[in-house]
Amino acid sequence: MSSNTYGYIADTGPTQAYGSNNGVFNPADINDLIAENKWSGVGTLELIKTQSGSSTASLIFSDIKETEYDVHFATWNNYQGATTNKRLVLRFYESGVEESASVYEYAYQGCRTDLFSESNSTGTDSIFLGTNTSTSANQSDSGYVYIYNAGDSTKYTFTTSHDTGMYQSGPNFATYFGGAVLPQASTVDQFKFMVGGGTNIDHVDISLYGIRYS
């Protein structure tokens, strides 16, 4: 980069790298660099897409920019299934093919106002995310999930997640924390949010972000 490309004030060109602060940029320079994808966004959340679902079987994020991000972060808000006692779950697509076999593994700790619990599986067809809700008004579930290594074909894809909501029985407040893995090295290029058990999503809002590490 030449010393007058973006009008910064420096004796030498600034280094656009994490932890480097050579040179001074004005806001217009920063906007130009962002437009050219040259501004360092290391460690920051970058919105990929937000989707809202109502009376639908699933929400699929088909352009997750897996070659750009090492880590993805998704939040869901105000989830309820179309029938009682159904939770939100996650599946991956590997190179465009949905992985629906019983190959996922997960382990979670749960805390409800009526008990403590754990949930685990060494072979299931989707990743457990939230609590089982009812269909009553205001008895929904919200949470977040981190997804690691999706675009790296040499690594397993891992998740950690945490949710908070109303369990369908009682109803009782519930929160779960844990993680999961797709234990096969592959390129994950799509995420599918759906209801465990094959019923529809009644309503949910989901936002997907990327976290840039380079």
C-alpha atoms as a PDB file:
ATOM      1  CA  MET A   1       0.000   0.000   0.000  1.00  0.00           C
ATOM      2  CA  SER A   2       1.514   3.364  -0.983  1.00  0.00           C
ATOM      3  CA  SER A   3       1.765   6.099   1.637  1.00  0.00           C
ATOM      4  CA  ASN A   4      -0.953   8.245   0.064  1.00  0.00           C
ATOM      5  CA  THR A   5      -3.452   5.551  -0.931  1.00  0.00           C
ATOM      6  CA  TYR A   6      -5.890   6.320   1.873  1.00  0.00           C
ATOM      7  CA  GLY A   7      -4.577   9.628   3.153  1.00  0.00           C
ATOM      8  CA  TYR A   8      -3.248   8.360   6.472  1.00  0.00           C
ATOM      9  CA  ILE A   9      -0.641  10.327   8.424  1.00  0.00           C
ATOM     10  CA  ALA A  10       2.547   8.294   8.701  1.00  0.00           C
ATOM     11  CA  ASP A  11       6.180   8.183   7.641  1.00  0.00           C
ATOM     12  CA  THR A  12       5.701   4.624   6.460  1.00  0.00           C
ATOM     13  CA  GLY A  13       2.650   2.618   5.440  1.00  0.00           C
ATOM     14  CA  PRO A  14       0.521   1.229   8.274  1.00  0.00           C
ATOM     15  CA  THR A  15       0.347  -2.487   8.823  1.00  0.00           C
ATOM     16  CA  GLN A  16      -3.227  -3.731   8.652  1.00  0.00           C
ATOM     17  CA  ALA A  17      -2.770  -6.535  11.140  1.00  0.00           C
ATOM     18  CA  TYR A  18      -4.137  -7.404  14.534  1.00  0.00           C
ATOM     19  CA  GLY A  19      -2.293  -5.535  17.286  1.00  0.00           C
ATOM     20  CA  SER A  20      -0.628  -3.068  14.917  1.00  0.00           C
ATOM     21  CA  ASN A  21      -1.337   0.659  15.168  1.00  0.00           C
ATOM     22  CA  ASN A  22       1.037   2.241  12.653  1.00  0.00           C
ATOM     23  CA  GLY A  23      -0.383   5.411  11.090  1.00  0.00           C
ATOM     24  CA  VAL A  24      -3.603   7.331  11.659  1.00  0.00           C
ATOM     25  CA  PHE A  25      -6.799   6.831   9.614  1.00  0.00           C
ATOM     26  CA  ASN A  26      -9.709   9.197   9.330  1.00  0.00           C
ATOM     27  CA  PRO A  27     -13.323   7.847   9.114  1.00  0.00           C
ATOM     28  CA  ALA A  28     -13.439   8.091   5.314  1.00  0.00           C
ATOM     29  CA  ASP A  29     -10.252   6.024   5.044  1.00  0.00           C
ATOM     30  CA  ILE A  30     -11.730   3.366   7.315  1.00  0.00           C
ATOM     31  CA  ASN A  31     -14.948   3.209   5.266  1.00  0.00           C
ATOM     32  CA  ASP A  32     -12.899   2.765   2.075  1.00  0.00           C
ATOM     33  CA  LEU A  33     -10.870  -0.042   3.638  1.00  0.00           C
ATOM     34  CA  ILE A  34     -14.013  -1.790   4.915  1.00  0.00           C
ATOM     35  CA  ALA A  35     -15.553  -1.575   1.425  1.00  0.00           C
ATOM     36  CA  GLU A  36     -12.473  -3.318   0.008  1.00  0.00           C
ATOM     37  CA  ASN A  37     -12.412  -5.886   2.851  1.00  0.00           C
ATOM     38  CA  LYS A  38      -8.976  -4.620   3.921  1.00  0.00           C
ATOM     39  CA  TRP A  39      -9.834  -3.209   7.326  1.00  0.00           C
ATOM     40  CA  SER A  40      -8.789  -5.488  10.184  1.00  0.00           C
ATOM     41  CA  GLY A  41     -11.879  -6.939  11.815  1.00  0.00           C
ATOM     42  CA  VAL A  42     -10.074  -9.564  13.840  1.00  0.00           C
ATOM     43  CA  GLY A  43     -12.181 -10.868  16.711  1.00  0.00           C
ATOM     44  CA  THR A  44     -15.280  -8.862  15.815  1.00  0.00           C
ATOM     45  CA  LEU A  45     -18.770 -10.138  15.003  1.00  0.00           C
ATOM     46  CA  GLU A  46     -19.799  -9.604  11.392  1.00  0.00           C
ATOM     47  CA  LEU A  47     -23.472 -10.177  10.552  1.00  0.00           C
ATOM     48  CA  ILE A  48     -24.006 -12.692   7.747  1.00  0.00           C
ATOM     49  CA  LYS A  49     -27.804 -12.914   7.748  1.00  0.00           C
ATOM     50  CA  THR A  50     -30.929 -12.696   9.909  1.00  0.00           C
ATOM     51  CA  GLN A  51     -33.968 -14.883   9.238  1.00  0.00           C
ATOM     52  CA  SER A  52     -37.395 -15.086  10.848  1.00  0.00           C
ATOM     53  CA  GLY A  53     -39.492 -18.214  10.698  1.00  0.00           C
ATOM     54  CA  SER A  54     -43.229 -18.637  11.177  1.00  0.00           C
ATOM     55  CA  SER A  55     -45.081 -21.924  10.592  1.00  0.00           C
ATOM     56  CA  THR A  56     -42.114 -23.353   8.713  1.00  0.00           C
ATOM     57  CA  ALA A  57     -40.254 -26.654   8.804  1.00  0.00           C
ATOM     58  CA  SER A  58     -36.778 -25.128   9.081  1.00  0.00           C
ATOM     59  CA  LEU A  59     -34.522 -22.140   8.554  1.00  0.00           C
ATOM     60  CA  ILE A  60     -31.463 -22.864   6.402  1.00  0.00           C
ATOM     61  CA  PHE A  61     -28.424 -20.597   6.199  1.00  0.00           C
ATOM     62  CA  SER A  62     -27.018 -21.568   2.806  1.00  0.00           C
ATOM     63  CA  ASP A  63     -24.293 -18.914   2.480  1.00  0.00           C
ATOM     64  CA  ILE A  64     -22.331 -19.082   5.735  1.00  0.00           C
ATOM     65  CA  LYS A  65     -19.035 -17.794   4.224  1.00  0.00           C
ATOM     66  CA  GLU A  66     -17.192 -20.754   5.661  1.00  0.00           C
ATOM     67  CA  THR A  67     -13.972 -19.861   3.814  1.00  0.00           C
ATOM     68  CA  GLU A  68     -13.882 -16.450   5.528  1.00  0.00           C
ATOM     69  CA  TYR A  69     -14.599 -17.367   9.143  1.00  0.00           C
ATOM     70  CA  ASP A  70     -13.036 -19.887  11.517  1.00  0.00           C
ATOM     71  CA  VAL A  71     -15.858 -19.408  14.017  1.00  0.00           C
ATOM     72  CA  HIS A  72     -19.579 -18.737  13.537  1.00  0.00           C
ATOM     73  CA  PHE A  73     -21.991 -17.401  16.145  1.00  0.00           C
ATOM     74  CA  ALA A  74     -25.783 -17.717  15.911  1.00  0.00           C
ATOM     75  CA  THR A  75     -28.451 -16.358  18.225  1.00  0.00           C
ATOM     76  CA  TRP A  76     -32.067 -17.438  18.338  1.00  0.00           C
ATOM     77  CA  ASN A  77     -34.859 -15.486  19.984  1.00  0.00           C
ATOM     78  CA  ASN A  78     -38.482 -16.211  20.861  1.00  0.00           C
ATOM     79  CA  TYR A  79     -38.522 -19.832  19.667  1.00  0.00           C
ATOM     80  CA  GLN A  80     -41.572 -22.058  20.009  1.00  0.00           C
ATOM     81  CA  GLY A  81     -42.476 -25.228  18.196  1.00  0.00           C
ATOM     82  CA  ALA A  82     -45.835 -25.745  16.546  1.00  0.00           C
ATOM     83  CA  THR A  83     -46.557 -28.514  19.062  1.00  0.00           C
ATOM     84  CA  THR A  84     -45.778 -28.820  22.767  1.00  0.00           C
ATOM     85  CA  ASN A  85     -42.619 -30.533  24.083  1.00  0.00           C
ATOM     86  CA  LYS A  86     -40.388 -29.846  21.058  1.00  0.00           C
ATOM     87  CA  ARG A  87     -36.995 -28.121  21.059  1.00  0.00           C
ATOM     88  CA  LEU A  88     -34.852 -26.321  18.489  1.00  0.00           C
ATOM     89  CA  VAL A  89     -32.062 -28.445  16.978  1.00  0.00           C
ATOM     90  CA  LEU A  90     -29.262 -27.948  14.456  1.00  0.00           C
ATOM     91  CA  ARG A  91     -27.983 -29.913  11.490  1.00  0.00           C
ATOM     92  CA  PHE A  92     -25.023 -29.348   9.178  1.00  0.00           C
ATOM     93  CA  TYR A  93     -24.639 -29.670   5.435  1.00  0.00           C
ATOM     94  CA  GLU A  94     -21.344 -31.177   4.255  1.00  0.00           C
ATOM     95  CA  SER A  95     -20.373 -29.904   0.805  1.00  0.00           C
ATOM     96  CA  GLY A  96     -24.041 -29.206   0.079  1.00  0.00           C
ATOM     97  CA  VAL A  97     -25.392 -32.513   1.421  1.00  0.00           C
ATOM     98  CA  GLU A  98     -27.501 -32.521   4.590  1.00  0.00           C
ATOM     99  CA  GLU A  99     -26.085 -34.804   7.285  1.00  0.00           C
ATOM    100  CA  SER A 100     -29.210 -36.426   8.726  1.00  0.00           C
ATOM    101  CA  ALA A 101     -27.722 -39.716   9.934  1.00  0.00           C
ATOM    102  CA  SER A 102     -27.331 -40.466  13.640  1.00  0.00           C
ATOM    103  CA  VAL A 103     -23.699 -39.357  13.786  1.00  0.00           C
ATOM    104  CA  TYR A 104     -23.785 -36.243  15.995  1.00  0.00           C
ATOM    105  CA  GLU A 105     -22.687 -36.385  19.637  1.00  0.00           C
ATOM    106  CA  TYR A 106     -23.627 -33.966  22.421  1.00  0.00           C
ATOM    107  CA  ALA A 107     -23.474 -33.475  26.188  1.00  0.00           C
ATOM    108  CA  TYR A 108     -25.447 -30.866  28.171  1.00  0.00           C
ATOM    109  CA  GLN A 109     -26.119 -29.858  31.750  1.00  0.00           C
ATOM    110  CA  GLY A 110     -29.606 -28.566  32.513  1.00  0.00           C
ATOM    111  CA  CYS A 111     -31.041 -26.534  35.337  1.00  0.00           C
ATOM    112  CA  ARG A 112     -34.783 -26.131  35.847  1.00  0.00           C
ATOM    113  CA  THR A 113     -36.723 -24.621  38.706  1.00  0.00           C
ATOM    114  CA  ASP A 114     -37.918 -28.131  39.548  1.00  0.00           C
ATOM    115  CA  LEU A 115     -34.714 -30.179  38.997  1.00  0.00           C
ATOM    116  CA  PHE A 116     -31.138 -30.473  37.701  1.00  0.00           C
ATOM    117  CA  SER A 117     -30.505 -32.750  34.759  1.00  0.00           C
ATOM    118  CA  GLU A 118     -28.135 -33.839  32.032  1.00  0.00           C
ATOM    119  CA  SER A 119     -28.707 -34.857  28.439  1.00  0.00           C
ATOM    120  CA  ASN A 120     -26.228 -36.681  26.231  1.00  0.00           C
ATOM    121  CA  SER A 121     -25.986 -38.812  23.136  1.00  0.00           C
ATOM    122  CA  THR A 122     -23.255 -40.666  21.255  1.00  0.00           C
ATOM    123  CA  GLY A 123     -25.349 -40.956  18.113  1.00  0.00           C
ATOM    124  CA  THR A 124     -28.247 -38.706  17.167  1.00  0.00           C
ATOM    125  CA  ASP A 125     -29.479 -37.103  13.945  1.00  0.00           C
ATOM    126  CA  SER A 126     -29.211 -33.481  15.118  1.00  0.00           C
ATOM    127  CA  ILE A 127     -27.622 -31.230  17.741  1.00  0.00           C
ATOM    128  CA  PHE A 128     -29.742 -30.381  20.790  1.00  0.00           C
ATOM    129  CA  LEU A 129     -29.932 -26.594  21.293  1.00  0.00           C
ATOM    130  CA  GLY A 130     -32.796 -25.347  23.458  1.00  0.00           C
ATOM    131  CA  THR A 131     -35.398 -26.479  25.934  1.00  0.00           C
ATOM    132  CA  ASN A 132     -38.706 -28.171  25.065  1.00  0.00           C
ATOM    133  CA  THR A 133     -41.309 -25.413  25.014  1.00  0.00           C
ATOM    134  CA  SER A 134     -45.081 -25.403  25.182  1.00  0.00           C
ATOM    135  CA  THR A 135     -47.305 -23.525  22.758  1.00  0.00           C
ATOM    136  CA  SER A 136     -48.658 -21.125  25.386  1.00  0.00           C
ATOM    137  CA  ALA A 137     -48.021 -17.406  24.908  1.00  0.00           C
ATOM    138  CA  ASN A 138     -44.710 -16.085  26.284  1.00  0.00           C
ATOM    139  CA  GLN A 139     -43.363 -19.573  27.038  1.00  0.00           C
ATOM    140  CA  SER A 140     -40.539 -19.432  24.508  1.00  0.00           C
ATOM    141  CA  ASP A 141     -36.798 -20.159  24.405  1.00  0.00           C
ATOM    142  CA  SER A 142     -33.799 -18.020  23.370  1.00  0.00           C
ATOM    143  CA  GLY A 143     -30.077 -18.690  23.237  1.00  0.00           C
ATOM    144  CA  TYR A 144     -26.859 -18.771  21.269  1.00  0.00           C
ATOM    145  CA  VAL A 145     -24.481 -21.272  19.699  1.00  0.00           C
ATOM    146  CA  TYR A 146     -20.816 -21.000  18.658  1.00  0.00           C
ATOM    147  CA  ILE A 147     -19.770 -23.211  15.732  1.00  0.00           C
ATOM    148  CA  TYR A 148     -16.071 -23.989  15.204  1.00  0.00           C
ATOM    149  CA  ASN A 149     -14.090 -25.205  12.144  1.00  0.00           C
ATOM    150  CA  ALA A 150     -17.064 -25.377   9.760  1.00  0.00           C
ATOM    151  CA  GLY A 151     -15.013 -24.543   6.672  1.00  0.00           C
ATOM    152  CA  ASP A 152     -11.970 -26.670   7.504  1.00  0.00           C
ATOM    153  CA  SER A 153     -12.182 -30.026   5.735  1.00  0.00           C
ATOM    154  CA  THR A 154      -9.397 -31.460   7.919  1.00  0.00           C
ATOM    155  CA  LYS A 155     -11.193 -30.911  11.240  1.00  0.00           C
ATOM    156  CA  TYR A 156     -14.337 -31.930  13.107  1.00  0.00           C
ATOM    157  CA  THR A 157     -17.023 -29.250  13.515  1.00  0.00           C
ATOM    158  CA  PHE A 158     -17.726 -28.462  17.180  1.00  0.00           C
ATOM    159  CA  THR A 159     -20.349 -26.349  18.959  1.00  0.00           C
ATOM    160  CA  THR A 160     -20.997 -24.820  22.349  1.00  0.00           C
ATOM    161  CA  SER A 161     -24.405 -23.371  23.221  1.00  0.00           C
ATOM    162  CA  HIS A 162     -26.461 -21.875  26.015  1.00  0.00           C
ATOM    163  CA  ASP A 163     -30.192 -21.193  26.175  1.00  0.00           C
ATOM    164  CA  THR A 164     -32.794 -19.781  28.527  1.00  0.00           C
ATOM    165  CA  GLY A 165     -36.534 -20.354  28.351  1.00  0.00           C
ATOM    166  CA  MET A 166     -39.671 -21.951  29.724  1.00  0.00           C
ATOM    167  CA  TYR A 167     -39.847 -25.745  29.886  1.00  0.00           C
ATOM    168  CA  GLN A 168     -43.204 -27.089  28.744  1.00  0.00           C
ATOM    169  CA  SER A 169     -44.057 -28.920  31.963  1.00  0.00           C
ATOM    170  CA  GLY A 170     -45.204 -26.749  34.818  1.00  0.00           C
ATOM    171  CA  PRO A 171     -44.195 -24.494  33.143  1.00  0.00           C
ATOM    172  CA  ASN A 172     -40.755 -24.195  34.722  1.00  0.00           C
ATOM    173  CA  PHE A 173     -37.869 -21.899  33.883  1.00  0.00           C
ATOM    174  CA  ALA A 174     -35.002 -23.833  32.293  1.00  0.00           C
ATOM    175  CA  THR A 175     -31.461 -23.198  31.081  1.00  0.00           C
ATOM    176  CA  TYR A 176     -29.009 -25.572  29.376  1.00  0.00           C
ATOM    177  CA  PHE A 177     -25.295 -25.324  28.613  1.00  0.00           C
ATOM    178  CA  GLY A 178     -23.106 -27.759  26.727  1.00  0.00           C
ATOM    179  CA  GLY A 179     -21.570 -28.730  23.425  1.00  0.00           C
ATOM    180  CA  ALA A 180     -21.667 -31.058  20.479  1.00  0.00           C
ATOM    181  CA  VAL A 181     -19.565 -32.383  17.635  1.00  0.00           C
ATOM    182  CA  LEU A 182     -19.936 -33.764  14.138  1.00  0.00           C
ATOM    183  CA  PRO A 183     -17.113 -36.331  14.483  1.00  0.00           C
ATOM    184  CA  GLN A 184     -16.105 -36.477  10.841  1.00  0.00           C
ATOM    185  CA  ALA A 185     -13.582 -34.261   9.093  1.00  0.00           C
ATOM    186  CA  SER A 186     -15.504 -32.402   6.390  1.00  0.00           C
ATOM    187  CA  THR A 187     -16.383 -29.005   4.956  1.00  0.00           C
ATOM    188  CA  VAL A 188     -19.599 -27.759   6.561  1.00  0.00           C
ATOM    189  CA  ASP A 189     -21.135 -25.139   4.256  1.00  0.00           C
ATOM    190  CA  GLN A 190     -24.742 -24.765   5.464  1.00  0.00           C
ATOM    191  CA  PHE A 191     -26.584 -24.677   8.790  1.00  0.00           C
ATOM    192  CA  LYS A 192     -30.147 -25.941   9.262  1.00  0.00           C
ATOM    193  CA  PHE A 193     -32.234 -24.939  12.300  1.00  0.00           C
ATOM    194  CA  MET A 194     -35.302 -27.084  12.780  1.00  0.00           C
ATOM    195  CA  VAL A 195     -37.536 -28.708  15.406  1.00  0.00           C
ATOM    196  CA  GLY A 196     -36.505 -32.021  16.878  1.00  0.00           C
ATOM    197  CA  GLY A 197     -39.125 -34.636  16.130  1.00  0.00           C
ATOM    198  CA  GLY A 198     -40.176 -33.429  12.704  1.00  0.00           C
ATOM    199  CA  THR A 199     -42.823 -30.837  13.525  1.00  0.00           C
ATOM    200  CA  ASN A 200     -42.820 -27.177  12.396  1.00  0.00           C
ATOM    201  CA  ILE A 201     -41.322 -24.073  13.940  1.00  0.00           C
ATOM    202  CA  ASP A 202     -44.152 -21.859  15.133  1.00  0.00           C
ATOM    203  CA  HIS A 203     -41.960 -18.762  15.376  1.00  0.00           C
ATOM    204  CA  VAL A 204     -38.282 -17.838  15.848  1.00  0.00           C
ATOM    205  CA  ASP A 205     -35.760 -15.154  14.856  1.00  0.00           C
ATOM    206  CA  ILE A 206     -32.192 -16.292  14.102  1.00  0.00           C
ATOM    207  CA  SER A 207     -29.132 -14.181  13.314  1.00  0.00           C
ATOM    208  CA  LEU A 208     -25.873 -15.687  12.037  1.00  0.00           C
ATOM    209  CA  TYR A 209     -22.507 -13.967  12.461  1.00  0.00           C
ATOM    210  CA  GLY A 210     -18.925 -14.720  11.511  1.00  0.00           C
ATOM    211  CA  ILE A 211     -15.925 -14.064  13.715  1.00  0.00           C
ATOM    212  CA  ARG A 212     -12.840 -13.169  11.692  1.00  0.00           C
ATOM    213  CA  TYR A 213      -9.495 -14.430  12.995  1.00  0.00           C
ATOM    214  CA  SER A 214      -7.227 -13.387  10.158  1.00  0.00           C
END
